[in-house]
Amino acid sequence: MELSNLRPAKGAVKKSKRIARGTGSGHGGTSTRGHKGDKARSGFKNKRNFEGGQMPLQMRLPKRGFKNFNRVAYVPLNLSRLQEIAEKYSVSIIDMDFLVREGIVNKGDLIKILAHGEITTALTVTAHGASEKASEAITTAGGSVNLVK
């Protein structure tokens, strides 16, 4: 056996289909594309979710859900998180400018203080909202809560 004698296994290589080369080729006439219609034309591309003209499934199903455009989305800050921030940066005043400067919240965010966790340091907190329990816990620890609109 030499390199010049090497051949692929029998049946491994098939002849390519020569389309549109006359009726004698067996692939002339409609060139294996059937008769007429979109799929017989050049440039045909099937659209996503196209069901042959039938009303598509996503249009037949009822619409669901509701998006309340009046909803106000707050960024929650728990008491435990405020305690961590106070200890880490050794501050007693936490306001929007400080939180944005340290990268804790984004500039346009609305902040709400929530009562999860405990607070031991006296903090002056400025936020857009605070739960009753959270503001009570902050005042009990000797701090104060200022609400901004």
C-alpha atoms as a PDB file:
ATOM      1  CA  MET A   1       0.000   0.000   0.000  1.00  0.00           C
ATOM      2  CA  GLU A   2       1.327   3.431  -0.970  1.00  0.00           C
ATOM      3  CA  LEU A   3      -0.038   6.984  -0.828  1.00  0.00           C
ATOM      4  CA  SER A   4      -0.868   6.857  -4.533  1.00  0.00           C
ATOM      5  CA  ASN A   5      -3.089   3.800  -3.965  1.00  0.00           C
ATOM      6  CA  LEU A   6      -5.197   5.257  -1.116  1.00  0.00           C
ATOM      7  CA  ARG A   7      -8.910   5.637  -1.886  1.00  0.00           C
ATOM      8  CA  PRO A   8     -11.971   6.328   0.246  1.00  0.00           C
ATOM      9  CA  ALA A   9     -14.069   3.338   1.340  1.00  0.00           C
ATOM     10  CA  LYS A  10     -16.705   2.147  -1.122  1.00  0.00           C
ATOM     11  CA  GLY A  11     -19.907   4.203  -0.738  1.00  0.00           C
ATOM     12  CA  ALA A  12     -18.208   6.870   1.398  1.00  0.00           C
ATOM     13  CA  VAL A  13     -18.100   9.491  -1.365  1.00  0.00           C
ATOM     14  CA  LYS A  14     -21.366  10.328  -3.149  1.00  0.00           C
ATOM     15  CA  LYS A  15     -21.809  12.312  -6.327  1.00  0.00           C
ATOM     16  CA  SER A  16     -23.246  15.794  -5.748  1.00  0.00           C
ATOM     17  CA  LYS A  17     -26.750  16.532  -7.014  1.00  0.00           C
ATOM     18  CA  ARG A  18     -26.407  18.713 -10.143  1.00  0.00           C
ATOM     19  CA  ILE A  19     -29.633  20.707 -10.050  1.00  0.00           C
ATOM     20  CA  ALA A  20     -31.168  22.509 -13.049  1.00  0.00           C
ATOM     21  CA  ARG A  21     -28.993  20.857 -15.697  1.00  0.00           C
ATOM     22  CA  GLY A  22     -31.762  19.542 -17.933  1.00  0.00           C
ATOM     23  CA  THR A  23     -34.348  16.787 -17.702  1.00  0.00           C
ATOM     24  CA  GLY A  24     -31.789  14.075 -18.424  1.00  0.00           C
ATOM     25  CA  SER A  25     -30.072  14.783 -15.103  1.00  0.00           C
ATOM     26  CA  GLY A  26     -33.201  13.791 -13.205  1.00  0.00           C
ATOM     27  CA  HIS A  27     -33.093  17.153 -11.439  1.00  0.00           C
ATOM     28  CA  GLY A  28     -34.312  19.440 -14.222  1.00  0.00           C
ATOM     29  CA  GLY A  29     -37.709  21.043 -14.649  1.00  0.00           C
ATOM     30  CA  THR A  30     -38.657  22.357 -11.241  1.00  0.00           C
ATOM     31  CA  SER A  31     -35.137  21.573  -9.964  1.00  0.00           C
ATOM     32  CA  THR A  32     -36.304  19.546  -6.942  1.00  0.00           C
ATOM     33  CA  ARG A  33     -38.326  22.506  -5.613  1.00  0.00           C
ATOM     34  CA  GLY A  34     -41.832  21.244  -6.267  1.00  0.00           C
ATOM     35  CA  HIS A  35     -44.404  23.353  -8.130  1.00  0.00           C
ATOM     36  CA  LYS A  36     -44.831  27.105  -7.594  1.00  0.00           C
ATOM     37  CA  GLY A  37     -45.280  28.715  -4.184  1.00  0.00           C
ATOM     38  CA  ASP A  38     -42.899  30.732  -1.991  1.00  0.00           C
ATOM     39  CA  LYS A  39     -40.505  27.849  -1.416  1.00  0.00           C
ATOM     40  CA  ALA A  40     -39.964  27.425  -5.149  1.00  0.00           C
ATOM     41  CA  ARG A  41     -38.784  31.033  -5.521  1.00  0.00           C
ATOM     42  CA  SER A  42     -35.288  32.342  -5.001  1.00  0.00           C
ATOM     43  CA  GLY A  43     -34.662  34.381  -1.881  1.00  0.00           C
ATOM     44  CA  PHE A  44     -37.315  32.597   0.179  1.00  0.00           C
ATOM     45  CA  LYS A  45     -36.790  32.901   3.916  1.00  0.00           C
ATOM     46  CA  ASN A  46     -39.295  31.480   6.355  1.00  0.00           C
ATOM     47  CA  LYS A  47     -40.464  34.006   8.948  1.00  0.00           C
ATOM     48  CA  ARG A  48     -40.301  33.108  12.621  1.00  0.00           C
ATOM     49  CA  ASN A  49     -43.665  31.849  13.958  1.00  0.00           C
ATOM     50  CA  PHE A  50     -45.166  31.831  10.445  1.00  0.00           C
ATOM     51  CA  GLU A  51     -47.928  29.237  10.263  1.00  0.00           C
ATOM     52  CA  GLY A  52     -48.777  29.352   6.588  1.00  0.00           C
ATOM     53  CA  GLY A  53     -51.159  32.290   6.891  1.00  0.00           C
ATOM     54  CA  GLN A  54     -53.016  30.850   9.872  1.00  0.00           C
ATOM     55  CA  MET A  55     -53.253  33.244  12.828  1.00  0.00           C
ATOM     56  CA  PRO A  56     -50.003  32.611  14.788  1.00  0.00           C
ATOM     57  CA  LEU A  57     -50.193  31.028  18.231  1.00  0.00           C
ATOM     58  CA  GLN A  58     -48.818  34.068  20.090  1.00  0.00           C
ATOM     59  CA  MET A  59     -51.588  36.191  18.545  1.00  0.00           C
ATOM     60  CA  ARG A  60     -54.310  33.658  19.350  1.00  0.00           C
ATOM     61  CA  LEU A  61     -53.495  33.461  23.037  1.00  0.00           C
ATOM     62  CA  PRO A  62     -54.934  36.075  25.416  1.00  0.00           C
ATOM     63  CA  LYS A  63     -52.718  38.820  26.768  1.00  0.00           C
ATOM     64  CA  ARG A  64     -51.813  38.480  30.441  1.00  0.00           C
ATOM     65  CA  GLY A  65     -50.286  40.551  33.173  1.00  0.00           C
ATOM     66  CA  PHE A  66     -50.254  44.191  34.108  1.00  0.00           C
ATOM     67  CA  LYS A  67     -47.483  46.752  34.374  1.00  0.00           C
ATOM     68  CA  ASN A  68     -48.265  49.501  36.839  1.00  0.00           C
ATOM     69  CA  PHE A  69     -46.598  52.620  35.475  1.00  0.00           C
ATOM     70  CA  ASN A  70     -47.398  54.511  38.707  1.00  0.00           C
ATOM     71  CA  ARG A  71     -45.275  52.110  40.789  1.00  0.00           C
ATOM     72  CA  VAL A  72     -42.438  53.683  42.746  1.00  0.00           C
ATOM     73  CA  ALA A  73     -39.436  51.369  42.976  1.00  0.00           C
ATOM     74  CA  TYR A  74     -37.282  51.836  46.066  1.00  0.00           C
ATOM     75  CA  VAL A  75     -33.823  50.443  46.743  1.00  0.00           C
ATOM     76  CA  PRO A  76     -34.097  48.727  50.148  1.00  0.00           C
ATOM     77  CA  LEU A  77     -31.466  49.377  52.809  1.00  0.00           C
ATOM     78  CA  ASN A  78     -31.832  47.274  55.948  1.00  0.00           C
ATOM     79  CA  LEU A  79     -30.729  48.296  59.426  1.00  0.00           C
ATOM     80  CA  SER A  80     -28.036  45.609  59.376  1.00  0.00           C
ATOM     81  CA  ARG A  81     -26.625  47.108  56.158  1.00  0.00           C
ATOM     82  CA  LEU A  82     -26.647  50.611  57.693  1.00  0.00           C
ATOM     83  CA  GLN A  83     -24.753  49.244  60.706  1.00  0.00           C
ATOM     84  CA  GLU A  84     -22.148  47.657  58.392  1.00  0.00           C
ATOM     85  CA  ILE A  85     -21.751  50.912  56.428  1.00  0.00           C
ATOM     86  CA  ALA A  86     -21.376  52.947  59.649  1.00  0.00           C
ATOM     87  CA  GLU A  87     -18.681  50.580  60.958  1.00  0.00           C
ATOM     88  CA  LYS A  88     -16.832  50.248  57.666  1.00  0.00           C
ATOM     89  CA  TYR A  89     -16.619  53.972  56.869  1.00  0.00           C
ATOM     90  CA  SER A  90     -16.838  55.157  60.540  1.00  0.00           C
ATOM     91  CA  VAL A  91     -19.559  57.704  59.844  1.00  0.00           C
ATOM     92  CA  SER A  92     -22.566  58.896  61.803  1.00  0.00           C
ATOM     93  CA  ILE A  93     -24.380  60.697  58.948  1.00  0.00           C
ATOM     94  CA  ILE A  94     -25.641  58.613  56.044  1.00  0.00           C
ATOM     95  CA  ASP A  95     -27.275  60.554  53.226  1.00  0.00           C
ATOM     96  CA  MET A  96     -27.773  60.234  49.462  1.00  0.00           C
ATOM     97  CA  ASP A  97     -24.514  61.986  48.529  1.00  0.00           C
ATOM     98  CA  PHE A  98     -22.487  59.654  50.752  1.00  0.00           C
ATOM     99  CA  LEU A  99     -24.202  56.507  49.424  1.00  0.00           C
ATOM    100  CA  VAL A 100     -23.711  57.573  45.792  1.00  0.00           C
ATOM    101  CA  ARG A 101     -20.087  58.588  46.410  1.00  0.00           C
ATOM    102  CA  GLU A 102     -19.284  55.189  47.949  1.00  0.00           C
ATOM    103  CA  GLY A 103     -21.080  53.340  45.110  1.00  0.00           C
ATOM    104  CA  ILE A 104     -23.712  51.746  47.351  1.00  0.00           C
ATOM    105  CA  VAL A 105     -26.613  53.145  45.300  1.00  0.00           C
ATOM    106  CA  ASN A 106     -26.963  54.938  41.971  1.00  0.00           C
ATOM    107  CA  LYS A 107     -27.658  58.640  41.601  1.00  0.00           C
ATOM    108  CA  GLY A 108     -31.338  58.458  40.639  1.00  0.00           C
ATOM    109  CA  ASP A 109     -32.319  55.693  43.086  1.00  0.00           C
ATOM    110  CA  LEU A 110     -34.997  56.145  45.728  1.00  0.00           C
ATOM    111  CA  ILE A 111     -33.948  54.672  49.080  1.00  0.00           C
ATOM    112  CA  LYS A 112     -36.169  53.093  51.712  1.00  0.00           C
ATOM    113  CA  ILE A 113     -34.907  52.020  55.126  1.00  0.00           C
ATOM    114  CA  LEU A 114     -36.268  48.658  56.278  1.00  0.00           C
ATOM    115  CA  ALA A 115     -36.161  47.099  59.749  1.00  0.00           C
ATOM    116  CA  HIS A 116     -34.302  43.835  59.092  1.00  0.00           C
ATOM    117  CA  GLY A 117     -31.390  43.455  61.488  1.00  0.00           C
ATOM    118  CA  GLU A 118     -30.235  45.515  64.444  1.00  0.00           C
ATOM    119  CA  ILE A 119     -28.613  48.916  64.808  1.00  0.00           C
ATOM    120  CA  THR A 120     -26.464  49.969  67.757  1.00  0.00           C
ATOM    121  CA  THR A 121     -24.803  53.203  66.602  1.00  0.00           C
ATOM    122  CA  ALA A 122     -26.545  56.581  66.654  1.00  0.00           C
ATOM    123  CA  LEU A 123     -26.993  57.476  62.979  1.00  0.00           C
ATOM    124  CA  THR A 124     -28.541  60.409  61.188  1.00  0.00           C
ATOM    125  CA  VAL A 125     -30.075  58.825  58.091  1.00  0.00           C
ATOM    126  CA  THR A 126     -31.529  60.731  55.136  1.00  0.00           C
ATOM    127  CA  ALA A 127     -33.695  58.640  52.789  1.00  0.00           C
ATOM    128  CA  HIS A 128     -36.819  58.804  50.623  1.00  0.00           C
ATOM    129  CA  GLY A 129     -38.752  56.420  52.837  1.00  0.00           C
ATOM    130  CA  ALA A 130     -38.526  54.366  56.001  1.00  0.00           C
ATOM    131  CA  SER A 131     -40.716  51.753  57.636  1.00  0.00           C
ATOM    132  CA  GLU A 132     -42.150  52.560  61.062  1.00  0.00           C
ATOM    133  CA  LYS A 133     -40.131  49.829  62.783  1.00  0.00           C
ATOM    134  CA  ALA A 134     -36.912  50.997  61.098  1.00  0.00           C
ATOM    135  CA  SER A 135     -37.331  54.642  62.087  1.00  0.00           C
ATOM    136  CA  GLU A 136     -38.297  53.562  65.604  1.00  0.00           C
ATOM    137  CA  ALA A 137     -35.155  51.394  65.878  1.00  0.00           C
ATOM    138  CA  ILE A 138     -32.910  54.240  64.656  1.00  0.00           C
ATOM    139  CA  THR A 139     -34.395  56.753  67.116  1.00  0.00           C
ATOM    140  CA  THR A 140     -34.124  54.183  69.941  1.00  0.00           C
ATOM    141  CA  ALA A 141     -30.392  53.831  69.154  1.00  0.00           C
ATOM    142  CA  GLY A 142     -30.058  57.629  69.526  1.00  0.00           C
ATOM    143  CA  GLY A 143     -30.175  58.629  65.866  1.00  0.00           C
ATOM    144  CA  SER A 144     -32.709  60.322  63.621  1.00  0.00           C
ATOM    145  CA  VAL A 145     -34.386  59.733  60.254  1.00  0.00           C
ATOM    146  CA  ASN A 146     -34.909  62.562  57.757  1.00  0.00           C
ATOM    147  CA  LEU A 147     -37.264  61.888  54.864  1.00  0.00           C
ATOM    148  CA  VAL A 148     -36.775  63.641  51.541  1.00  0.00           C
ATOM    149  CA  LYS A 149     -39.196  63.763  48.641  1.00  0.00           C
END
